[in-house]
N, C-alpha and C. Protein backbone atom coordinates (compact mmCIF):
# COMPACT_ATOMS: atom_id res chain seq x y z
N MET A 1 110.05 110.42 131.89
CA MET A 1 111.18 109.83 131.18
C MET A 1 110.79 109.43 129.76
N ALA A 2 109.59 108.81 129.65
CA ALA A 2 109.12 108.40 128.32
C ALA A 2 108.95 109.60 127.41
N GLU A 3 108.47 110.75 127.99
CA GLU A 3 108.29 111.95 127.19
C GLU A 3 109.63 112.46 126.67
N LEU A 4 110.68 112.39 127.51
CA LEU A 4 112.01 112.84 127.10
C LEU A 4 112.55 112.00 125.96
N ILE A 5 112.34 110.67 126.05
CA ILE A 5 112.81 109.77 124.99
C ILE A 5 112.10 110.07 123.69
N ALA A 6 110.76 110.25 123.77
CA ALA A 6 109.98 110.53 122.56
C ALA A 6 110.42 111.85 121.93
N ALA A 7 110.67 112.85 122.80
CA ALA A 7 111.04 114.16 122.29
C ALA A 7 112.41 114.16 121.63
N SER A 8 113.27 113.21 122.03
CA SER A 8 114.64 113.20 121.50
C SER A 8 114.79 112.29 120.29
N ARG A 9 113.73 111.68 119.82
CA ARG A 9 113.82 110.79 118.66
C ARG A 9 114.23 111.57 117.42
N THR A 10 115.12 110.99 116.66
CA THR A 10 115.56 111.60 115.40
C THR A 10 115.42 110.56 114.30
N SER A 11 114.79 110.92 113.21
CA SER A 11 114.60 109.97 112.13
C SER A 11 115.92 109.70 111.42
N PRO A 12 116.03 108.58 110.72
CA PRO A 12 117.29 108.21 110.05
C PRO A 12 117.73 109.17 108.95
N VAL A 13 116.82 109.98 108.42
CA VAL A 13 117.21 110.90 107.35
C VAL A 13 116.83 112.35 107.68
N ALA A 14 116.65 112.65 108.97
CA ALA A 14 116.30 114.02 109.36
C ALA A 14 117.34 115.01 108.87
N HIS A 15 118.60 114.59 108.85
CA HIS A 15 119.68 115.49 108.43
C HIS A 15 119.66 115.78 106.93
N LEU A 16 118.83 115.05 106.18
CA LEU A 16 118.74 115.27 104.73
C LEU A 16 117.48 116.02 104.32
N THR A 17 116.73 116.51 105.30
CA THR A 17 115.45 117.18 104.99
C THR A 17 115.62 118.31 103.99
N GLU A 18 116.59 119.18 104.22
CA GLU A 18 116.79 120.31 103.32
C GLU A 18 117.26 119.86 101.94
N ARG A 19 118.11 118.83 101.89
CA ARG A 19 118.58 118.33 100.60
C ARG A 19 117.42 117.72 99.81
N MET A 20 116.54 117.02 100.50
CA MET A 20 115.38 116.45 99.82
C MET A 20 114.47 117.55 99.30
N ARG A 21 114.29 118.59 100.10
CA ARG A 21 113.45 119.71 99.67
C ARG A 21 114.07 120.41 98.46
N ALA A 22 115.38 120.60 98.51
CA ALA A 22 116.07 121.28 97.40
C ALA A 22 116.05 120.45 96.12
N ALA A 23 115.92 119.14 96.25
CA ALA A 23 115.91 118.26 95.07
C ALA A 23 114.57 118.24 94.36
N THR A 24 113.55 118.85 94.95
CA THR A 24 112.22 118.85 94.36
C THR A 24 112.22 119.44 92.95
N VAL A 25 111.54 118.75 92.05
CA VAL A 25 111.38 119.22 90.67
C VAL A 25 109.89 119.44 90.42
N THR A 26 109.54 120.55 89.81
CA THR A 26 108.13 120.83 89.52
C THR A 26 107.88 120.72 88.02
N GLY A 27 106.61 120.75 87.67
CA GLY A 27 106.25 120.73 86.26
C GLY A 27 105.95 119.34 85.74
N ALA A 28 105.95 119.20 84.43
CA ALA A 28 105.56 117.95 83.78
C ALA A 28 106.51 116.81 84.10
N ARG A 29 107.76 117.13 84.46
CA ARG A 29 108.74 116.11 84.83
C ARG A 29 109.02 116.18 86.34
N GLY A 30 108.01 116.61 87.08
CA GLY A 30 108.19 116.85 88.50
C GLY A 30 108.34 115.59 89.33
N VAL A 31 109.04 115.72 90.44
CA VAL A 31 109.20 114.63 91.41
C VAL A 31 109.63 115.22 92.75
N THR A 32 109.09 114.68 93.83
CA THR A 32 109.44 115.14 95.17
C THR A 32 109.79 113.94 96.03
N LEU A 33 110.66 114.17 97.01
CA LEU A 33 111.06 113.13 97.96
C LEU A 33 110.89 113.68 99.37
N THR A 34 110.13 112.97 100.18
CA THR A 34 109.92 113.37 101.57
C THR A 34 110.01 112.13 102.46
N GLU A 35 110.09 112.37 103.75
CA GLU A 35 110.10 111.26 104.71
C GLU A 35 108.85 111.32 105.57
N TRP A 36 108.31 110.15 105.85
CA TRP A 36 107.24 110.00 106.84
C TRP A 36 107.84 109.27 108.03
N PRO A 37 108.42 110.00 108.98
CA PRO A 37 109.12 109.33 110.09
C PRO A 37 108.15 108.81 111.15
N PHE A 38 108.61 107.80 111.86
CA PHE A 38 107.95 107.30 113.07
C PHE A 38 106.54 106.75 112.84
N LEU A 39 106.27 106.21 111.64
CA LEU A 39 104.98 105.56 111.42
C LEU A 39 104.93 104.26 112.21
N THR A 40 103.77 103.92 112.69
CA THR A 40 103.58 102.65 113.39
C THR A 40 103.67 101.50 112.40
N MET A 41 104.49 100.50 112.77
CA MET A 41 104.63 99.30 111.95
C MET A 41 104.60 98.09 112.89
N VAL A 42 103.67 97.21 112.66
CA VAL A 42 103.52 96.02 113.50
C VAL A 42 103.53 94.78 112.62
N ASN A 43 104.46 93.88 112.90
CA ASN A 43 104.56 92.63 112.17
C ASN A 43 103.62 91.60 112.78
N VAL A 44 102.83 90.95 111.93
CA VAL A 44 101.86 89.95 112.39
C VAL A 44 102.13 88.63 111.69
N ARG A 45 102.21 87.56 112.46
CA ARG A 45 102.30 86.22 111.90
C ARG A 45 101.19 85.37 112.51
N VAL A 46 100.41 84.73 111.64
CA VAL A 46 99.30 83.91 112.10
C VAL A 46 98.83 83.05 110.93
N ASN A 47 98.28 81.90 111.24
CA ASN A 47 97.69 81.04 110.21
C ASN A 47 96.46 81.75 109.64
N PRO A 48 96.44 82.05 108.34
CA PRO A 48 95.33 82.83 107.79
C PRO A 48 93.99 82.10 107.83
N ALA A 49 94.03 80.78 108.03
CA ALA A 49 92.78 80.01 108.08
C ALA A 49 92.28 79.83 109.51
N SER A 50 92.95 80.45 110.48
CA SER A 50 92.62 80.24 111.89
C SER A 50 91.59 81.24 112.41
N GLU A 51 91.02 80.89 113.55
CA GLU A 51 90.10 81.82 114.21
C GLU A 51 90.84 83.06 114.69
N ALA A 52 92.12 82.88 115.05
CA ALA A 52 92.91 84.02 115.48
C ALA A 52 93.04 85.05 114.35
N ALA A 53 93.21 84.57 113.11
CA ALA A 53 93.28 85.48 111.96
C ALA A 53 91.97 86.25 111.80
N ASP A 54 90.85 85.57 112.03
CA ASP A 54 89.55 86.23 111.95
C ASP A 54 89.44 87.34 112.99
N ARG A 55 89.93 87.05 114.20
CA ARG A 55 89.87 88.05 115.27
C ARG A 55 90.77 89.25 114.95
N ILE A 56 91.93 88.98 114.38
CA ILE A 56 92.85 90.06 114.01
C ILE A 56 92.23 90.93 112.91
N GLU A 57 91.60 90.30 111.93
CA GLU A 57 90.94 91.06 110.87
C GLU A 57 89.83 91.93 111.45
N LYS A 58 89.11 91.41 112.41
CA LYS A 58 88.03 92.19 113.05
C LYS A 58 88.62 93.38 113.80
N ALA A 59 89.74 93.16 114.48
CA ALA A 59 90.39 94.25 115.22
C ALA A 59 90.89 95.33 114.28
N LEU A 60 91.41 94.93 113.13
CA LEU A 60 91.92 95.89 112.15
C LEU A 60 90.80 96.55 111.35
N GLY A 61 89.68 95.84 111.22
CA GLY A 61 88.62 96.34 110.36
C GLY A 61 88.95 96.14 108.89
N ALA A 62 89.93 95.28 108.62
CA ALA A 62 90.38 95.03 107.24
C ALA A 62 90.85 93.59 107.13
N PRO A 63 90.68 92.97 105.96
CA PRO A 63 91.15 91.59 105.79
C PRO A 63 92.67 91.53 105.70
N LEU A 64 93.23 90.40 106.06
CA LEU A 64 94.65 90.14 105.84
C LEU A 64 94.80 89.79 104.36
N PRO A 65 95.56 90.57 103.59
CA PRO A 65 95.67 90.32 102.14
C PRO A 65 96.08 88.88 101.86
N PRO A 66 95.45 88.23 100.88
CA PRO A 66 95.65 86.80 100.66
C PRO A 66 96.86 86.42 99.83
N GLN A 67 97.47 87.37 99.10
CA GLN A 67 98.57 86.96 98.23
C GLN A 67 99.56 88.09 97.99
N CYS A 68 100.70 87.71 97.43
CA CYS A 68 101.80 88.63 97.18
C CYS A 68 101.34 89.87 96.39
N GLY A 69 101.76 91.04 96.85
CA GLY A 69 101.43 92.28 96.18
C GLY A 69 100.18 92.96 96.67
N HIS A 70 99.33 92.22 97.40
CA HIS A 70 98.06 92.77 97.82
C HIS A 70 98.19 93.57 99.11
N THR A 71 97.32 94.59 99.25
CA THR A 71 97.21 95.36 100.48
C THR A 71 95.73 95.53 100.80
N SER A 72 95.44 95.91 102.03
CA SER A 72 94.08 96.27 102.41
C SER A 72 94.15 97.45 103.37
N THR A 73 93.12 98.28 103.34
CA THR A 73 93.13 99.50 104.15
C THR A 73 91.78 99.70 104.82
N SER A 74 91.84 100.14 106.09
CA SER A 74 90.63 100.52 106.81
C SER A 74 91.01 101.56 107.85
N GLY A 75 90.38 102.72 107.77
CA GLY A 75 90.68 103.78 108.74
C GLY A 75 92.16 104.10 108.75
N PRO A 76 92.81 104.06 109.93
CA PRO A 76 94.22 104.43 110.01
C PRO A 76 95.17 103.31 109.64
N HIS A 77 94.65 102.11 109.36
CA HIS A 77 95.50 100.94 109.14
C HIS A 77 95.59 100.54 107.66
N THR A 78 96.80 100.19 107.22
CA THR A 78 97.00 99.54 105.93
C THR A 78 97.81 98.27 106.19
N VAL A 79 97.39 97.17 105.59
CA VAL A 79 98.05 95.88 105.81
C VAL A 79 98.74 95.46 104.52
N LEU A 80 100.03 95.16 104.61
CA LEU A 80 100.83 94.72 103.46
C LEU A 80 101.15 93.24 103.61
N TRP A 81 101.00 92.49 102.54
CA TRP A 81 101.34 91.06 102.52
C TRP A 81 102.86 90.90 102.49
N LEU A 82 103.40 90.08 103.40
CA LEU A 82 104.83 89.78 103.40
C LEU A 82 105.11 88.32 103.06
N GLY A 83 104.18 87.44 103.38
CA GLY A 83 104.36 86.02 103.15
C GLY A 83 103.05 85.30 103.40
N PRO A 84 103.00 83.99 103.17
CA PRO A 84 101.74 83.24 103.32
C PRO A 84 101.10 83.37 104.70
N ASP A 85 101.93 83.60 105.73
CA ASP A 85 101.38 83.76 107.08
C ASP A 85 101.96 84.98 107.79
N GLU A 86 102.35 86.00 107.00
CA GLU A 86 103.00 87.17 107.59
C GLU A 86 102.55 88.46 106.90
N TRP A 87 102.29 89.49 107.72
CA TRP A 87 101.83 90.78 107.22
C TRP A 87 102.50 91.91 108.00
N LEU A 88 102.54 93.07 107.39
CA LEU A 88 103.01 94.27 108.08
C LEU A 88 101.85 95.24 108.15
N VAL A 89 101.50 95.63 109.37
CA VAL A 89 100.43 96.60 109.59
C VAL A 89 101.06 97.98 109.73
N LEU A 90 100.71 98.88 108.82
CA LEU A 90 101.13 100.28 108.90
C LEU A 90 99.95 101.07 109.45
N SER A 91 100.23 101.97 110.38
CA SER A 91 99.12 102.67 111.01
C SER A 91 99.50 104.07 111.43
N GLN A 92 98.51 104.94 111.43
CA GLN A 92 98.68 106.29 111.97
C GLN A 92 98.34 106.33 113.45
N ALA A 93 97.89 105.21 113.98
CA ALA A 93 97.56 105.13 115.41
C ALA A 93 98.81 104.81 116.22
N ASP A 94 98.70 104.96 117.54
CA ASP A 94 99.83 104.72 118.44
C ASP A 94 100.30 103.27 118.36
N ALA A 95 101.62 103.09 118.24
CA ALA A 95 102.18 101.75 118.05
C ALA A 95 101.88 100.83 119.22
N THR A 96 102.03 101.34 120.43
CA THR A 96 101.78 100.51 121.62
C THR A 96 100.34 100.03 121.65
N ALA A 97 99.41 100.93 121.33
CA ALA A 97 97.99 100.58 121.36
C ALA A 97 97.65 99.57 120.27
N VAL A 98 98.18 99.77 119.07
CA VAL A 98 97.89 98.85 117.96
C VAL A 98 98.43 97.46 118.28
N ALA A 99 99.69 97.39 118.74
CA ALA A 99 100.28 96.10 119.06
C ALA A 99 99.52 95.40 120.18
N ALA A 100 99.11 96.15 121.19
CA ALA A 100 98.38 95.56 122.31
C ALA A 100 97.03 95.00 121.84
N GLU A 101 96.34 95.74 120.98
CA GLU A 101 95.04 95.28 120.49
C GLU A 101 95.18 94.00 119.65
N LEU A 102 96.23 93.94 118.83
CA LEU A 102 96.42 92.77 117.98
C LEU A 102 96.90 91.57 118.80
N ARG A 103 97.70 91.81 119.83
CA ARG A 103 98.11 90.70 120.70
C ARG A 103 96.90 90.12 121.43
N GLU A 104 96.00 91.01 121.84
CA GLU A 104 94.78 90.54 122.50
C GLU A 104 93.94 89.71 121.54
N ALA A 105 93.88 90.14 120.28
CA ALA A 105 93.13 89.39 119.28
C ALA A 105 93.77 88.04 119.00
N LEU A 106 95.09 87.99 118.99
CA LEU A 106 95.79 86.72 118.78
C LEU A 106 95.53 85.76 119.92
N GLY A 107 95.45 86.31 121.13
CA GLY A 107 95.20 85.47 122.31
C GLY A 107 96.32 84.48 122.53
N GLY A 108 95.96 83.27 122.91
CA GLY A 108 96.97 82.24 123.16
C GLY A 108 97.23 81.36 121.96
N ASP A 109 96.69 81.73 120.79
CA ASP A 109 96.87 80.91 119.60
C ASP A 109 98.28 81.08 119.03
N PRO A 110 98.75 80.10 118.23
CA PRO A 110 100.08 80.21 117.62
C PRO A 110 100.17 81.46 116.74
N GLY A 111 101.30 82.13 116.80
CA GLY A 111 101.52 83.32 116.00
C GLY A 111 102.32 84.35 116.78
N SER A 112 102.48 85.53 116.21
CA SER A 112 103.22 86.58 116.90
C SER A 112 102.75 87.94 116.44
N VAL A 113 102.87 88.92 117.32
CA VAL A 113 102.59 90.32 117.03
C VAL A 113 103.75 91.11 117.61
N VAL A 114 104.51 91.80 116.75
CA VAL A 114 105.72 92.49 117.20
C VAL A 114 105.74 93.91 116.66
N ASP A 115 105.94 94.87 117.56
CA ASP A 115 106.10 96.27 117.14
C ASP A 115 107.48 96.42 116.52
N VAL A 116 107.53 96.70 115.21
CA VAL A 116 108.81 96.86 114.50
C VAL A 116 108.97 98.28 113.96
N SER A 117 108.31 99.24 114.61
CA SER A 117 108.30 100.61 114.13
C SER A 117 109.69 101.21 113.99
N ALA A 118 110.61 100.81 114.88
CA ALA A 118 111.97 101.37 114.84
C ALA A 118 112.85 100.71 113.78
N ASN A 119 112.32 99.65 113.17
CA ASN A 119 113.12 98.87 112.23
C ASN A 119 113.26 99.53 110.86
N ARG A 120 112.25 100.31 110.46
CA ARG A 120 112.23 100.92 109.14
C ARG A 120 111.79 102.37 109.23
N THR A 121 112.07 103.14 108.18
CA THR A 121 111.43 104.43 108.01
C THR A 121 110.71 104.41 106.68
N THR A 122 110.02 105.50 106.37
CA THR A 122 109.23 105.56 105.14
C THR A 122 109.63 106.77 104.32
N LEU A 123 110.08 106.53 103.10
CA LEU A 123 110.37 107.60 102.16
C LEU A 123 109.26 107.63 101.12
N GLU A 124 108.80 108.83 100.78
CA GLU A 124 107.74 108.96 99.79
C GLU A 124 108.27 109.67 98.55
N LEU A 125 108.13 109.02 97.42
CA LEU A 125 108.55 109.57 96.13
C LEU A 125 107.28 109.79 95.30
N SER A 126 107.08 111.03 94.84
CA SER A 126 105.82 111.33 94.17
C SER A 126 106.02 112.31 93.04
N GLY A 127 105.17 112.19 92.02
CA GLY A 127 105.21 113.14 90.91
C GLY A 127 105.24 112.43 89.57
N PRO A 128 105.04 113.15 88.47
CA PRO A 128 105.00 112.55 87.13
C PRO A 128 106.24 111.73 86.79
N ALA A 129 107.41 112.12 87.32
CA ALA A 129 108.65 111.40 86.98
C ALA A 129 109.05 110.37 88.02
N ALA A 130 108.21 110.14 89.03
CA ALA A 130 108.58 109.23 90.11
C ALA A 130 108.88 107.83 89.60
N ARG A 131 108.06 107.32 88.69
CA ARG A 131 108.30 105.97 88.18
C ARG A 131 109.63 105.89 87.43
N GLN A 132 109.94 106.91 86.64
CA GLN A 132 111.19 106.90 85.89
C GLN A 132 112.40 106.95 86.82
N VAL A 133 112.27 107.68 87.93
CA VAL A 133 113.36 107.71 88.91
C VAL A 133 113.59 106.32 89.49
N LEU A 134 112.52 105.65 89.89
CA LEU A 134 112.65 104.31 90.46
C LEU A 134 113.20 103.31 89.45
N GLU A 135 112.79 103.45 88.20
CA GLU A 135 113.21 102.50 87.17
C GLU A 135 114.72 102.53 86.93
N LYS A 136 115.40 103.54 87.41
CA LYS A 136 116.86 103.59 87.27
C LYS A 136 117.54 102.51 88.11
N GLY A 137 116.84 102.01 89.14
CA GLY A 137 117.52 101.04 89.99
C GLY A 137 116.62 99.97 90.58
N CYS A 138 115.37 99.86 90.10
CA CYS A 138 114.45 98.85 90.61
C CYS A 138 114.18 97.81 89.52
N PRO A 139 114.36 96.52 89.82
CA PRO A 139 114.19 95.49 88.79
C PRO A 139 112.73 95.17 88.45
N LEU A 140 111.79 95.70 89.21
CA LEU A 140 110.38 95.42 88.94
C LEU A 140 109.91 96.11 87.66
N ASP A 141 108.90 95.52 87.02
CA ASP A 141 108.19 96.19 85.95
C ASP A 141 107.17 97.11 86.62
N LEU A 142 107.43 98.41 86.60
CA LEU A 142 106.58 99.38 87.28
C LEU A 142 105.56 100.02 86.35
N HIS A 143 105.50 99.55 85.11
CA HIS A 143 104.49 100.09 84.19
C HIS A 143 103.10 99.83 84.78
N PRO A 144 102.16 100.77 84.60
CA PRO A 144 100.82 100.60 85.18
C PRO A 144 100.13 99.30 84.81
N ARG A 145 100.51 98.68 83.70
CA ARG A 145 99.89 97.40 83.32
C ARG A 145 100.31 96.28 84.27
N ALA A 146 101.44 96.49 84.98
CA ALA A 146 101.98 95.43 85.84
C ALA A 146 101.98 95.78 87.32
N PHE A 147 101.99 97.08 87.64
CA PHE A 147 102.10 97.49 89.04
C PHE A 147 101.32 98.79 89.20
N GLY A 148 100.40 98.82 90.17
CA GLY A 148 99.56 100.00 90.30
C GLY A 148 99.18 100.30 91.73
N PRO A 149 98.31 101.27 91.92
CA PRO A 149 97.89 101.68 93.26
C PRO A 149 97.36 100.51 94.08
N GLY A 150 97.77 100.47 95.34
CA GLY A 150 97.32 99.41 96.23
C GLY A 150 98.20 98.18 96.22
N GLN A 151 99.24 98.17 95.40
CA GLN A 151 100.15 97.03 95.38
C GLN A 151 101.42 97.34 96.17
N ALA A 152 101.96 96.32 96.82
CA ALA A 152 103.19 96.47 97.61
C ALA A 152 103.96 95.17 97.57
N VAL A 153 105.26 95.27 97.31
CA VAL A 153 106.10 94.07 97.23
C VAL A 153 107.49 94.36 97.81
N SER A 154 108.19 93.29 98.13
CA SER A 154 109.59 93.40 98.54
C SER A 154 110.45 93.41 97.29
N THR A 155 111.37 94.36 97.21
CA THR A 155 112.24 94.47 96.04
C THR A 155 113.52 95.18 96.45
N THR A 156 114.26 95.68 95.47
CA THR A 156 115.44 96.49 95.76
C THR A 156 115.36 97.77 94.93
N VAL A 157 115.92 98.82 95.47
CA VAL A 157 116.10 100.08 94.75
C VAL A 157 117.57 100.43 94.91
N GLY A 158 118.30 100.46 93.77
CA GLY A 158 119.75 100.49 93.90
C GLY A 158 120.15 99.19 94.59
N PRO A 159 121.06 99.25 95.55
CA PRO A 159 121.45 98.04 96.26
C PRO A 159 120.67 97.81 97.55
N VAL A 160 119.63 98.62 97.79
CA VAL A 160 118.93 98.60 99.08
C VAL A 160 117.63 97.82 99.00
N ALA A 161 117.44 96.87 99.91
CA ALA A 161 116.19 96.13 100.00
C ALA A 161 115.11 97.02 100.61
N VAL A 162 113.94 97.02 99.99
CA VAL A 162 112.84 97.85 100.47
C VAL A 162 111.51 97.11 100.31
N LEU A 163 110.52 97.58 101.04
CA LEU A 163 109.14 97.28 100.70
C LEU A 163 108.67 98.47 99.87
N LEU A 164 108.16 98.21 98.69
CA LEU A 164 107.72 99.26 97.78
C LEU A 164 106.21 99.20 97.65
N TRP A 165 105.55 100.30 97.99
CA TRP A 165 104.08 100.36 97.99
C TRP A 165 103.66 101.54 97.12
N GLN A 166 102.86 101.27 96.09
CA GLN A 166 102.32 102.36 95.28
C GLN A 166 101.00 102.80 95.89
N VAL A 167 100.94 104.05 96.28
CA VAL A 167 99.78 104.57 97.00
C VAL A 167 98.68 105.05 96.06
N ASP A 168 99.07 105.75 94.98
CA ASP A 168 98.07 106.27 94.06
C ASP A 168 98.65 106.34 92.65
N ASP A 169 97.86 106.88 91.72
CA ASP A 169 98.32 106.91 90.33
C ASP A 169 98.95 108.24 89.93
N THR A 170 99.37 109.06 90.93
CA THR A 170 100.06 110.32 90.61
C THR A 170 101.27 110.12 89.71
N PRO A 171 102.20 109.15 89.92
CA PRO A 171 102.15 108.13 90.96
C PRO A 171 102.89 108.57 92.23
N THR A 172 102.43 108.01 93.37
CA THR A 172 103.09 108.18 94.65
C THR A 172 103.51 106.81 95.14
N TYR A 173 104.79 106.70 95.50
CA TYR A 173 105.33 105.45 96.02
C TYR A 173 105.84 105.68 97.45
N ARG A 174 105.64 104.72 98.30
CA ARG A 174 106.28 104.74 99.62
C ARG A 174 107.27 103.60 99.68
N LEU A 175 108.49 103.94 100.06
CA LEU A 175 109.59 102.97 100.15
C LEU A 175 109.94 102.79 101.61
N LEU A 176 109.97 101.55 102.06
CA LEU A 176 110.26 101.25 103.45
C LEU A 176 111.58 100.50 103.55
N PRO A 177 112.70 101.23 103.71
CA PRO A 177 114.00 100.56 103.89
C PRO A 177 114.27 100.35 105.37
N ARG A 178 115.19 99.46 105.69
CA ARG A 178 115.69 99.36 107.06
C ARG A 178 116.29 100.71 107.44
N SER A 179 116.14 101.09 108.69
CA SER A 179 116.61 102.41 109.12
C SER A 179 118.09 102.62 108.83
N SER A 180 118.89 101.57 108.96
CA SER A 180 120.33 101.71 108.76
C SER A 180 120.71 101.96 107.30
N PHE A 181 119.78 101.69 106.37
CA PHE A 181 120.05 101.92 104.95
C PHE A 181 119.32 103.15 104.41
N ALA A 182 118.56 103.81 105.26
CA ALA A 182 117.72 104.92 104.80
C ALA A 182 118.53 106.09 104.26
N ASP A 183 119.64 106.41 104.91
CA ASP A 183 120.48 107.51 104.46
C ASP A 183 120.99 107.24 103.04
N TYR A 184 121.50 106.04 102.82
CA TYR A 184 122.03 105.68 101.49
C TYR A 184 120.93 105.77 100.45
N LEU A 185 119.76 105.21 100.76
CA LEU A 185 118.67 105.21 99.78
C LEU A 185 118.21 106.63 99.46
N ALA A 186 118.08 107.47 100.49
CA ALA A 186 117.65 108.85 100.24
C ALA A 186 118.64 109.57 99.34
N ARG A 187 119.95 109.38 99.58
CA ARG A 187 120.96 110.02 98.73
C ARG A 187 120.91 109.45 97.31
N TRP A 188 120.66 108.15 97.19
CA TRP A 188 120.56 107.53 95.86
C TRP A 188 119.39 108.15 95.09
N LEU A 189 118.25 108.32 95.77
CA LEU A 189 117.07 108.88 95.11
C LEU A 189 117.29 110.35 94.74
N ILE A 190 117.93 111.11 95.62
CA ILE A 190 118.23 112.51 95.31
C ILE A 190 119.09 112.60 94.05
N ASP A 191 120.09 111.72 93.96
CA ASP A 191 120.95 111.71 92.79
C ASP A 191 120.17 111.31 91.54
N ALA A 192 119.29 110.32 91.68
CA ALA A 192 118.49 109.85 90.53
C ALA A 192 117.51 110.92 90.06
N MET A 193 117.08 111.79 90.96
CA MET A 193 116.15 112.87 90.61
C MET A 193 116.84 114.02 89.89
N SER A 194 118.15 114.11 90.02
CA SER A 194 118.86 115.33 89.60
C SER A 194 118.73 115.63 88.11
N GLU A 195 118.65 114.61 87.26
CA GLU A 195 118.58 114.87 85.82
C GLU A 195 117.31 115.61 85.42
N TYR A 196 116.25 115.49 86.23
CA TYR A 196 114.99 116.13 85.88
C TYR A 196 115.00 117.63 86.18
N ARG A 197 116.07 118.10 86.81
CA ARG A 197 116.21 119.52 87.07
C ARG A 197 116.90 120.22 85.90
N ARG A 198 117.46 119.46 84.98
CA ARG A 198 118.19 120.05 83.86
C ARG A 198 117.23 120.82 82.94
N VAL A 199 117.68 121.97 82.52
CA VAL A 199 116.90 122.78 81.60
C VAL A 199 117.31 122.43 80.17
N GLU A 200 116.36 122.02 79.38
CA GLU A 200 116.68 121.67 77.99
C GLU A 200 116.77 122.94 77.15
N VAL A 201 117.88 123.08 76.46
CA VAL A 201 118.10 124.25 75.61
C VAL A 201 117.57 123.96 74.21
N PRO A 202 116.68 124.79 73.67
CA PRO A 202 116.12 124.52 72.33
C PRO A 202 117.18 124.64 71.24
């Protein structure tokens, strides 16, 4: 039964795969939009000064980022700061296994570990024009002097609330919207990318 459920999963923007592919722009003003569906996401809440936090860091092999915008990565896990005592663990490992390991590390201490993988999806925007596309609807200062690889914050793109994580200096951004808003955000990004397909006539 579990295999049937897993096999029937459909991502929130699976129906837009071809439109996202068709929106790809190459060259000096290039930009691409893809989805990373079904990534493991585990929400962790714990006192960062507690022994439980130390055990969780040991289980992850990475520190819990200490302040807004910070991330940490080890092996398949990346940890994003959400608040003074809250983090989101993104992982390529199995969600059930990751959540179980972190719950064991938390033990009976105050805090929580919740698998929230179904709550969001991940859209990846990458290419030389990626920052300019985002700047059409994101209030953050995304210039490299203010925002760069390894940083992640809560913000909005268009009217949609997202976690925005810059992965590298290509630049590549990963946007994590709530699943129910993913369709709108993907269409917004496709529209924002469209001007870069225009051919300039000399």
